[in-house]
Amino acid sequence: MPVNPHLFIGLPVNEALKACALKWQRNLNGHQHYKRLMHPDDLHLTLAFLGATPDTDAALLWEDFKQHVRGFQPFTLCFDRIDGFGHPDHPRVLYLSPKPSESLTKIKHLTDAHIQAAGLHVSYKPFHPHVTLMKKWQGNETVFDKGYSLPVFLEEPVQVGMDQICLYRIHPGKTPSYEVTGIISGSR
Protein backbone atom coordinates (compact mmCIF):
# COMPACT_ATOMS: atom_id res chain seq x y z
CA MET A 1 0.00 0.00 0.00
CA PRO A 2 1.54 3.35 -1.04
CA VAL A 3 2.19 5.94 1.64
CA ASN A 4 0.63 9.36 1.18
CA PRO A 5 3.18 12.17 0.96
CA HIS A 6 3.49 14.64 3.81
CA LEU A 7 2.77 18.19 2.74
CA PHE A 8 2.93 21.69 4.17
CA ILE A 9 2.20 25.24 3.08
CA GLY A 10 4.97 27.78 3.54
CA LEU A 11 6.77 30.88 2.40
CA PRO A 12 10.09 30.58 0.54
CA VAL A 13 13.04 32.77 1.56
CA ASN A 14 15.56 34.77 -0.47
CA GLU A 15 19.29 34.27 -1.07
CA ALA A 16 20.24 36.87 1.57
CA LEU A 17 18.51 34.85 4.32
CA LYS A 18 20.04 31.62 3.00
CA ALA A 19 23.49 33.22 3.26
CA CYS A 20 22.72 34.41 6.79
CA ALA A 21 21.59 30.91 7.75
CA LEU A 22 24.77 29.30 6.41
CA LYS A 23 26.91 31.85 8.25
CA TRP A 24 25.23 31.05 11.58
CA GLN A 25 25.34 27.31 11.00
CA ARG A 26 29.13 27.71 10.66
CA ASN A 27 29.54 30.28 13.49
CA LEU A 28 27.76 28.02 15.95
CA ASN A 29 29.53 24.84 14.82
CA GLY A 30 26.14 23.40 13.97
CA HIS A 31 27.54 20.16 12.58
CA GLN A 32 28.97 19.35 16.04
CA HIS A 33 25.77 20.09 17.96
CA TYR A 34 22.90 19.06 15.68
CA LYS A 35 21.98 15.97 13.69
CA ARG A 36 20.36 18.05 10.97
CA LEU A 37 21.50 21.34 9.49
CA MET A 38 18.92 22.64 7.05
CA HIS A 39 19.97 22.65 3.41
CA PRO A 40 19.73 26.19 1.94
CA ASP A 41 17.08 25.02 -0.55
CA ASP A 42 14.96 23.65 2.34
CA LEU A 43 14.75 26.98 4.18
CA HIS A 44 11.20 28.30 4.45
CA LEU A 45 8.67 29.69 6.91
CA THR A 46 5.89 27.17 7.58
CA LEU A 47 2.31 28.43 7.59
CA ALA A 48 0.58 25.06 8.03
CA PHE A 49 1.56 21.40 8.18
CA LEU A 50 -0.95 19.25 6.31
CA GLY A 51 0.56 15.87 7.11
CA ALA A 52 -0.06 12.75 5.02
CA THR A 53 -2.37 13.85 2.22
CA PRO A 54 -3.43 11.80 -0.82
CA ASP A 55 -2.38 13.42 -4.10
CA THR A 56 -5.97 13.88 -5.28
CA ASP A 57 -6.96 15.60 -2.03
CA ALA A 58 -3.84 17.78 -2.14
CA ALA A 59 -4.58 18.90 -5.72
CA LEU A 60 -8.16 19.84 -4.83
CA LEU A 61 -7.10 21.60 -1.64
CA TRP A 62 -4.38 23.57 -3.44
CA GLU A 63 -6.62 24.66 -6.33
CA ASP A 64 -9.26 25.85 -3.87
CA PHE A 65 -6.61 27.53 -1.68
CA LYS A 66 -5.33 29.46 -4.73
CA GLN A 67 -8.78 31.00 -5.11
CA HIS A 68 -8.98 31.68 -1.37
CA VAL A 69 -5.74 33.72 -1.23
CA ARG A 70 -5.70 34.92 -4.84
CA GLY A 71 -4.25 38.38 -5.10
CA PHE A 72 -2.67 38.44 -1.65
CA GLN A 73 -0.52 41.50 -1.13
CA PRO A 74 3.23 40.76 -0.98
CA PHE A 75 4.92 41.96 2.18
CA THR A 76 8.37 42.16 3.75
CA LEU A 77 9.58 40.37 6.85
CA CYS A 78 12.58 41.56 8.84
CA PHE A 79 14.54 38.66 10.34
CA ASP A 80 16.41 40.15 13.28
CA ARG A 81 17.32 37.34 15.68
CA ILE A 82 18.23 33.71 16.28
CA ASP A 83 16.23 31.86 18.89
CA GLY A 84 15.37 28.30 19.81
CA PHE A 85 12.78 25.83 21.00
CA GLY A 86 13.79 23.93 24.11
CA HIS A 87 16.55 24.47 26.67
CA PRO A 88 18.39 27.79 26.09
CA ASP A 89 21.85 26.16 26.27
CA HIS A 90 20.98 23.35 23.86
CA PRO A 91 17.69 24.05 22.06
CA ARG A 92 16.25 21.13 20.12
CA VAL A 93 15.60 23.57 17.23
CA LEU A 94 17.59 26.69 16.42
CA TYR A 95 15.94 29.19 14.07
CA LEU A 96 15.88 32.66 12.53
CA SER A 97 12.92 34.72 13.69
CA PRO A 98 11.22 37.74 12.08
CA LYS A 99 9.86 40.81 13.79
CA PRO A 100 6.08 40.69 14.30
CA SER A 101 4.14 41.34 11.10
CA GLU A 102 0.45 42.08 10.68
CA SER A 103 0.64 40.90 7.05
CA LEU A 104 2.11 37.54 8.08
CA THR A 105 -0.56 37.13 10.75
CA LYS A 106 -3.25 37.82 8.14
CA ILE A 107 -1.84 35.21 5.72
CA LYS A 108 -1.57 32.67 8.58
CA HIS A 109 -5.22 33.25 9.56
CA LEU A 110 -6.36 32.94 5.92
CA THR A 111 -4.39 29.69 5.59
CA ASP A 112 -5.78 28.20 8.80
CA ALA A 113 -9.34 29.21 7.94
CA HIS A 114 -9.09 27.52 4.56
CA ILE A 115 -7.57 24.34 5.95
CA GLN A 116 -10.23 24.14 8.66
CA ALA A 117 -13.02 24.76 6.10
CA ALA A 118 -11.59 21.87 4.03
CA GLY A 119 -12.03 19.60 7.05
CA LEU A 120 -8.33 19.25 7.86
CA HIS A 121 -6.71 19.66 11.26
CA VAL A 122 -5.37 23.09 12.20
CA SER A 123 -2.64 23.13 14.85
CA TYR A 124 -3.75 24.34 18.26
CA LYS A 125 -0.21 25.51 19.08
CA PRO A 126 0.56 29.23 19.08
CA PHE A 127 2.13 30.41 15.82
CA HIS A 128 5.85 31.17 16.23
CA PRO A 129 7.01 32.21 12.77
CA HIS A 130 10.55 31.02 12.12
CA VAL A 131 13.00 29.59 9.61
CA THR A 132 14.73 26.50 11.03
CA LEU A 133 18.54 26.53 10.87
CA MET A 134 19.33 23.31 12.75
CA LYS A 135 17.41 20.63 14.62
CA LYS A 136 17.79 17.45 16.65
CA TRP A 137 20.33 18.40 19.31
CA GLN A 138 23.07 15.80 19.70
CA GLY A 139 25.75 17.52 21.74
CA ASN A 140 26.51 17.37 25.42
CA GLU A 141 27.68 20.95 25.88
CA THR A 142 26.16 24.33 25.17
CA VAL A 143 25.83 25.34 21.54
CA PHE A 144 26.79 28.84 22.63
CA ASP A 145 30.41 28.23 23.53
CA LYS A 146 31.35 31.51 21.81
CA GLY A 147 29.59 33.67 24.38
CA TYR A 148 26.20 33.89 22.72
CA SER A 149 22.91 33.45 24.55
CA LEU A 150 19.37 33.27 23.22
CA PRO A 151 18.02 35.25 21.62
CA VAL A 152 20.96 36.41 19.50
CA PHE A 153 20.09 39.67 17.77
CA LEU A 154 21.62 40.03 14.32
CA GLU A 155 23.92 42.99 13.74
CA GLU A 156 22.42 43.30 10.28
CA PRO A 157 18.77 42.20 10.11
CA VAL A 158 17.76 40.56 6.83
CA GLN A 159 14.78 41.83 4.84
CA VAL A 160 12.84 39.16 2.95
CA GLY A 161 10.13 39.99 0.45
CA MET A 162 7.30 37.49 0.78
CA ASP A 163 5.63 37.38 -2.61
CA GLN A 164 4.89 33.66 -2.94
CA ILE A 165 3.06 30.98 -0.99
CA CYS A 166 4.19 27.44 -1.78
CA LEU A 167 2.92 23.91 -1.34
CA TYR A 168 5.81 21.66 -0.30
CA ARG A 169 6.14 17.88 -0.46
CA ILE A 170 8.51 16.22 2.01
CA HIS A 171 10.99 13.60 0.75
CA PRO A 172 12.49 12.00 3.88
CA GLY A 173 16.08 10.90 3.50
CA LYS A 174 16.78 13.14 0.48
CA THR A 175 18.80 16.34 0.40
CA PRO A 176 17.25 18.79 -0.17
CA SER A 177 14.16 17.16 1.26
CA TYR A 178 11.42 19.67 0.44
CA GLU A 179 10.01 19.91 -3.10
CA VAL A 180 7.87 22.85 -4.19
CA THR A 181 4.82 21.38 -5.92
CA GLY A 182 2.67 24.50 -6.16
CA ILE A 183 3.21 28.28 -6.15
CA ILE A 184 0.82 31.16 -5.59
CA SER A 185 2.23 34.56 -6.48
CA GLY A 186 1.03 37.75 -4.82
CA SER A 187 -0.24 40.70 -6.81
CA ARG A 188 1.69 43.93 -6.88
C-alpha atoms as a PDB file:
ATOM      1  CA  MET A   1       0.000   0.000   0.000  1.00  0.00           C
ATOM      2  CA  PRO A   2       1.536   3.354  -1.036  1.00  0.00           C
ATOM      3  CA  VAL A   3       2.191   5.939   1.638  1.00  0.00           C
ATOM      4  CA  ASN A   4       0.633   9.357   1.175  1.00  0.00           C
ATOM      5  CA  PRO A   5       3.176  12.170   0.962  1.00  0.00           C
ATOM      6  CA  HIS A   6       3.494  14.636   3.815  1.00  0.00           C
ATOM      7  CA  LEU A   7       2.774  18.192   2.744  1.00  0.00           C
ATOM      8  CA  PHE A   8       2.930  21.690   4.169  1.00  0.00           C
ATOM      9  CA  ILE A   9       2.195  25.242   3.078  1.00  0.00           C
ATOM     10  CA  GLY A  10       4.975  27.775   3.538  1.00  0.00           C
ATOM     11  CA  LEU A  11       6.770  30.885   2.400  1.00  0.00           C
ATOM     12  CA  PRO A  12      10.091  30.583   0.539  1.00  0.00           C
ATOM     13  CA  VAL A  13      13.038  32.771   1.558  1.00  0.00           C
ATOM     14  CA  ASN A  14      15.559  34.766  -0.469  1.00  0.00           C
ATOM     15  CA  GLU A  15      19.290  34.271  -1.066  1.00  0.00           C
ATOM     16  CA  ALA A  16      20.238  36.869   1.568  1.00  0.00           C
ATOM     17  CA  LEU A  17      18.507  34.852   4.316  1.00  0.00           C
ATOM     18  CA  LYS A  18      20.041  31.621   2.996  1.00  0.00           C
ATOM     19  CA  ALA A  19      23.495  33.224   3.256  1.00  0.00           C
ATOM     20  CA  CYS A  20      22.722  34.407   6.793  1.00  0.00           C
ATOM     21  CA  ALA A  21      21.586  30.905   7.751  1.00  0.00           C
ATOM     22  CA  LEU A  22      24.774  29.298   6.407  1.00  0.00           C
ATOM     23  CA  LYS A  23      26.905  31.847   8.248  1.00  0.00           C
ATOM     24  CA  TRP A  24      25.234  31.054  11.576  1.00  0.00           C
ATOM     25  CA  GLN A  25      25.342  27.306  10.999  1.00  0.00           C
ATOM     26  CA  ARG A  26      29.125  27.706  10.661  1.00  0.00           C
ATOM     27  CA  ASN A  27      29.544  30.276  13.493  1.00  0.00           C
ATOM     28  CA  LEU A  28      27.757  28.019  15.950  1.00  0.00           C
ATOM     29  CA  ASN A  29      29.527  24.838  14.818  1.00  0.00           C
ATOM     30  CA  GLY A  30      26.142  23.400  13.975  1.00  0.00           C
ATOM     31  CA  HIS A  31      27.544  20.157  12.584  1.00  0.00           C
ATOM     32  CA  GLN A  32      28.967  19.347  16.041  1.00  0.00           C
ATOM     33  CA  HIS A  33      25.771  20.088  17.955  1.00  0.00           C
ATOM     34  CA  TYR A  34      22.903  19.055  15.679  1.00  0.00           C
ATOM     35  CA  LYS A  35      21.980  15.970  13.691  1.00  0.00           C
ATOM     36  CA  ARG A  36      20.358  18.050  10.965  1.00  0.00           C
ATOM     37  CA  LEU A  37      21.501  21.339   9.492  1.00  0.00           C
ATOM     38  CA  MET A  38      18.921  22.639   7.051  1.00  0.00           C
ATOM     39  CA  HIS A  39      19.972  22.654   3.409  1.00  0.00           C
ATOM     40  CA  PRO A  40      19.733  26.186   1.943  1.00  0.00           C
ATOM     41  CA  ASP A  41      17.083  25.021  -0.549  1.00  0.00           C
ATOM     42  CA  ASP A  42      14.957  23.654   2.337  1.00  0.00           C
ATOM     43  CA  LEU A  43      14.755  26.981   4.184  1.00  0.00           C
ATOM     44  CA  HIS A  44      11.197  28.302   4.447  1.00  0.00           C
ATOM     45  CA  LEU A  45       8.667  29.690   6.913  1.00  0.00           C
ATOM     46  CA  THR A  46       5.887  27.165   7.579  1.00  0.00           C
ATOM     47  CA  LEU A  47       2.308  28.433   7.585  1.00  0.00           C
ATOM     48  CA  ALA A  48       0.579  25.062   8.027  1.00  0.00           C
ATOM     49  CA  PHE A  49       1.557  21.405   8.182  1.00  0.00           C
ATOM     50  CA  LEU A  50      -0.946  19.249   6.306  1.00  0.00           C
ATOM     51  CA  GLY A  51       0.563  15.867   7.106  1.00  0.00           C
ATOM     52  CA  ALA A  52      -0.058  12.747   5.023  1.00  0.00           C
ATOM     53  CA  THR A  53      -2.367  13.846   2.218  1.00  0.00           C
ATOM     54  CA  PRO A  54      -3.433  11.796  -0.819  1.00  0.00           C
ATOM     55  CA  ASP A  55      -2.376  13.424  -4.103  1.00  0.00           C
ATOM     56  CA  THR A  56      -5.974  13.876  -5.282  1.00  0.00           C
ATOM     57  CA  ASP A  57      -6.963  15.601  -2.030  1.00  0.00           C
ATOM     58  CA  ALA A  58      -3.836  17.780  -2.142  1.00  0.00           C
ATOM     59  CA  ALA A  59      -4.579  18.895  -5.716  1.00  0.00           C
ATOM     60  CA  LEU A  60      -8.163  19.844  -4.830  1.00  0.00           C
ATOM     61  CA  LEU A  61      -7.099  21.602  -1.638  1.00  0.00           C
ATOM     62  CA  TRP A  62      -4.381  23.565  -3.437  1.00  0.00           C
ATOM     63  CA  GLU A  63      -6.622  24.658  -6.327  1.00  0.00           C
ATOM     64  CA  ASP A  64      -9.261  25.851  -3.871  1.00  0.00           C
ATOM     65  CA  PHE A  65      -6.607  27.534  -1.682  1.00  0.00           C
ATOM     66  CA  LYS A  66      -5.334  29.455  -4.729  1.00  0.00           C
ATOM     67  CA  GLN A  67      -8.782  30.996  -5.110  1.00  0.00           C
ATOM     68  CA  HIS A  68      -8.979  31.675  -1.373  1.00  0.00           C
ATOM     69  CA  VAL A  69      -5.744  33.720  -1.231  1.00  0.00           C
ATOM     70  CA  ARG A  70      -5.698  34.923  -4.837  1.00  0.00           C
ATOM     71  CA  GLY A  71      -4.253  38.385  -5.103  1.00  0.00           C
ATOM     72  CA  PHE A  72      -2.672  38.439  -1.653  1.00  0.00           C
ATOM     73  CA  GLN A  73      -0.518  41.499  -1.126  1.00  0.00           C
ATOM     74  CA  PRO A  74       3.226  40.757  -0.977  1.00  0.00           C
ATOM     75  CA  PHE A  75       4.924  41.962   2.180  1.00  0.00           C
ATOM     76  CA  THR A  76       8.369  42.165   3.753  1.00  0.00           C
ATOM     77  CA  LEU A  77       9.583  40.369   6.851  1.00  0.00           C
ATOM     78  CA  CYS A  78      12.579  41.560   8.836  1.00  0.00           C
ATOM     79  CA  PHE A  79      14.536  38.661  10.341  1.00  0.00           C
ATOM     80  CA  ASP A  80      16.407  40.150  13.276  1.00  0.00           C
ATOM     81  CA  ARG A  81      17.316  37.339  15.675  1.00  0.00           C
ATOM     82  CA  ILE A  82      18.229  33.712  16.275  1.00  0.00           C
ATOM     83  CA  ASP A  83      16.231  31.862  18.891  1.00  0.00           C
ATOM     84  CA  GLY A  84      15.375  28.303  19.808  1.00  0.00           C
ATOM     85  CA  PHE A  85      12.779  25.832  21.002  1.00  0.00           C
ATOM     86  CA  GLY A  86      13.790  23.929  24.114  1.00  0.00           C
ATOM     87  CA  HIS A  87      16.552  24.473  26.668  1.00  0.00           C
ATOM     88  CA  PRO A  88      18.393  27.791  26.086  1.00  0.00           C
ATOM     89  CA  ASP A  89      21.854  26.160  26.268  1.00  0.00           C
ATOM     90  CA  HIS A  90      20.975  23.347  23.862  1.00  0.00           C
ATOM     91  CA  PRO A  91      17.691  24.053  22.065  1.00  0.00           C
ATOM     92  CA  ARG A  92      16.251  21.126  20.119  1.00  0.00           C
ATOM     93  CA  VAL A  93      15.597  23.566  17.232  1.00  0.00           C
ATOM     94  CA  LEU A  94      17.587  26.693  16.416  1.00  0.00           C
ATOM     95  CA  TYR A  95      15.938  29.187  14.071  1.00  0.00           C
ATOM     96  CA  LEU A  96      15.883  32.664  12.529  1.00  0.00           C
ATOM     97  CA  SER A  97      12.919  34.723  13.690  1.00  0.00           C
ATOM     98  CA  PRO A  98      11.224  37.738  12.083  1.00  0.00           C
ATOM     99  CA  LYS A  99       9.859  40.809  13.788  1.00  0.00           C
ATOM    100  CA  PRO A 100       6.083  40.690  14.300  1.00  0.00           C
ATOM    101  CA  SER A 101       4.136  41.339  11.099  1.00  0.00           C
ATOM    102  CA  GLU A 102       0.453  42.082  10.678  1.00  0.00           C
ATOM    103  CA  SER A 103       0.644  40.900   7.053  1.00  0.00           C
ATOM    104  CA  LEU A 104       2.113  37.544   8.081  1.00  0.00           C
ATOM    105  CA  THR A 105      -0.555  37.128  10.751  1.00  0.00           C
ATOM    106  CA  LYS A 106      -3.253  37.823   8.145  1.00  0.00           C
ATOM    107  CA  ILE A 107      -1.836  35.206   5.719  1.00  0.00           C
ATOM    108  CA  LYS A 108      -1.568  32.674   8.578  1.00  0.00           C
ATOM    109  CA  HIS A 109      -5.220  33.252   9.556  1.00  0.00           C
ATOM    110  CA  LEU A 110      -6.358  32.937   5.918  1.00  0.00           C
ATOM    111  CA  THR A 111      -4.391  29.692   5.587  1.00  0.00           C
ATOM    112  CA  ASP A 112      -5.779  28.201   8.804  1.00  0.00           C
ATOM    113  CA  ALA A 113      -9.340  29.208   7.944  1.00  0.00           C
ATOM    114  CA  HIS A 114      -9.089  27.517   4.560  1.00  0.00           C
ATOM    115  CA  ILE A 115      -7.569  24.336   5.955  1.00  0.00           C
ATOM    116  CA  GLN A 116     -10.233  24.136   8.655  1.00  0.00           C
ATOM    117  CA  ALA A 117     -13.022  24.758   6.101  1.00  0.00           C
ATOM    118  CA  ALA A 118     -11.589  21.874   4.035  1.00  0.00           C
ATOM    119  CA  GLY A 119     -12.028  19.602   7.048  1.00  0.00           C
ATOM    120  CA  LEU A 120      -8.334  19.254   7.861  1.00  0.00           C
ATOM    121  CA  HIS A 121      -6.711  19.656  11.263  1.00  0.00           C
ATOM    122  CA  VAL A 122      -5.373  23.089  12.205  1.00  0.00           C
ATOM    123  CA  SER A 123      -2.644  23.127  14.847  1.00  0.00           C
ATOM    124  CA  TYR A 124      -3.747  24.342  18.262  1.00  0.00           C
ATOM    125  CA  LYS A 125      -0.207  25.509  19.083  1.00  0.00           C
ATOM    126  CA  PRO A 126       0.555  29.226  19.076  1.00  0.00           C
ATOM    127  CA  PHE A 127       2.130  30.405  15.821  1.00  0.00           C
ATOM    128  CA  HIS A 128       5.846  31.173  16.234  1.00  0.00           C
ATOM    129  CA  PRO A 129       7.012  32.208  12.769  1.00  0.00           C
ATOM    130  CA  HIS A 130      10.552  31.019  12.124  1.00  0.00           C
ATOM    131  CA  VAL A 131      12.995  29.588   9.610  1.00  0.00           C
ATOM    132  CA  THR A 132      14.731  26.504  11.031  1.00  0.00           C
ATOM    133  CA  LEU A 133      18.540  26.531  10.874  1.00  0.00           C
ATOM    134  CA  MET A 134      19.334  23.314  12.749  1.00  0.00           C
ATOM    135  CA  LYS A 135      17.413  20.631  14.617  1.00  0.00           C
ATOM    136  CA  LYS A 136      17.794  17.446  16.648  1.00  0.00           C
ATOM    137  CA  TRP A 137      20.333  18.402  19.315  1.00  0.00           C
ATOM    138  CA  GLN A 138      23.065  15.796  19.702  1.00  0.00           C
ATOM    139  CA  GLY A 139      25.752  17.524  21.739  1.00  0.00           C
ATOM    140  CA  ASN A 140      26.513  17.371  25.421  1.00  0.00           C
ATOM    141  CA  GLU A 141      27.676  20.954  25.882  1.00  0.00           C
ATOM    142  CA  THR A 142      26.163  24.327  25.170  1.00  0.00           C
ATOM    143  CA  VAL A 143      25.833  25.344  21.537  1.00  0.00           C
ATOM    144  CA  PHE A 144      26.786  28.841  22.628  1.00  0.00           C
ATOM    145  CA  ASP A 145      30.407  28.232  23.535  1.00  0.00           C
ATOM    146  CA  LYS A 146      31.352  31.509  21.809  1.00  0.00           C
ATOM    147  CA  GLY A 147      29.588  33.670  24.383  1.00  0.00           C
ATOM    148  CA  TYR A 148      26.197  33.893  22.718  1.00  0.00           C
ATOM    149  CA  SER A 149      22.912  33.446  24.553  1.00  0.00           C
ATOM    150  CA  LEU A 150      19.370  33.269  23.218  1.00  0.00           C
ATOM    151  CA  PRO A 151      18.017  35.255  21.617  1.00  0.00           C
ATOM    152  CA  VAL A 152      20.964  36.405  19.501  1.00  0.00           C
ATOM    153  CA  PHE A 153      20.093  39.670  17.774  1.00  0.00           C
ATOM    154  CA  LEU A 154      21.616  40.032  14.318  1.00  0.00           C
ATOM    155  CA  GLU A 155      23.920  42.993  13.739  1.00  0.00           C
ATOM    156  CA  GLU A 156      22.416  43.299  10.277  1.00  0.00           C
ATOM    157  CA  PRO A 157      18.775  42.197  10.109  1.00  0.00           C
ATOM    158  CA  VAL A 158      17.760  40.559   6.827  1.00  0.00           C
ATOM    159  CA  GLN A 159      14.777  41.828   4.837  1.00  0.00           C
ATOM    160  CA  VAL A 160      12.845  39.156   2.952  1.00  0.00           C
ATOM    161  CA  GLY A 161      10.130  39.993   0.446  1.00  0.00           C
ATOM    162  CA  MET A 162       7.299  37.495   0.785  1.00  0.00           C
ATOM    163  CA  ASP A 163       5.630  37.378  -2.611  1.00  0.00           C
ATOM    164  CA  GLN A 164       4.891  33.656  -2.941  1.00  0.00           C
ATOM    165  CA  ILE A 165       3.058  30.980  -0.993  1.00  0.00           C
ATOM    166  CA  CYS A 166       4.195  27.437  -1.783  1.00  0.00           C
ATOM    167  CA  LEU A 167       2.924  23.910  -1.335  1.00  0.00           C
ATOM    168  CA  TYR A 168       5.813  21.661  -0.299  1.00  0.00           C
ATOM    169  CA  ARG A 169       6.144  17.878  -0.461  1.00  0.00           C
ATOM    170  CA  ILE A 170       8.512  16.216   2.008  1.00  0.00           C
ATOM    171  CA  HIS A 171      10.994  13.600   0.752  1.00  0.00           C
ATOM    172  CA  PRO A 172      12.488  12.000   3.879  1.00  0.00           C
ATOM    173  CA  GLY A 173      16.083  10.900   3.499  1.00  0.00           C
ATOM    174  CA  LYS A 174      16.778  13.140   0.478  1.00  0.00           C
ATOM    175  CA  THR A 175      18.795  16.341   0.401  1.00  0.00           C
ATOM    176  CA  PRO A 176      17.252  18.794  -0.172  1.00  0.00           C
ATOM    177  CA  SER A 177      14.163  17.157   1.260  1.00  0.00           C
ATOM    178  CA  TYR A 178      11.421  19.666   0.435  1.00  0.00           C
ATOM    179  CA  GLU A 179      10.011  19.912  -3.096  1.00  0.00           C
ATOM    180  CA  VAL A 180       7.873  22.850  -4.192  1.00  0.00           C
ATOM    181  CA  THR A 181       4.823  21.376  -5.923  1.00  0.00           C
ATOM    182  CA  GLY A 182       2.668  24.504  -6.159  1.00  0.00           C
ATOM    183  CA  ILE A 183       3.208  28.279  -6.146  1.00  0.00           C
ATOM    184  CA  ILE A 184       0.816  31.157  -5.593  1.00  0.00           C
ATOM    185  CA  SER A 185       2.231  34.564  -6.482  1.00  0.00           C
ATOM    186  CA  GLY A 186       1.035  37.750  -4.825  1.00  0.00           C
ATOM    187  CA  SER A 187      -0.237  40.698  -6.810  1.00  0.00           C
ATOM    188  CA  ARG A 188       1.690  43.926  -6.883  1.00  0.00           C
END
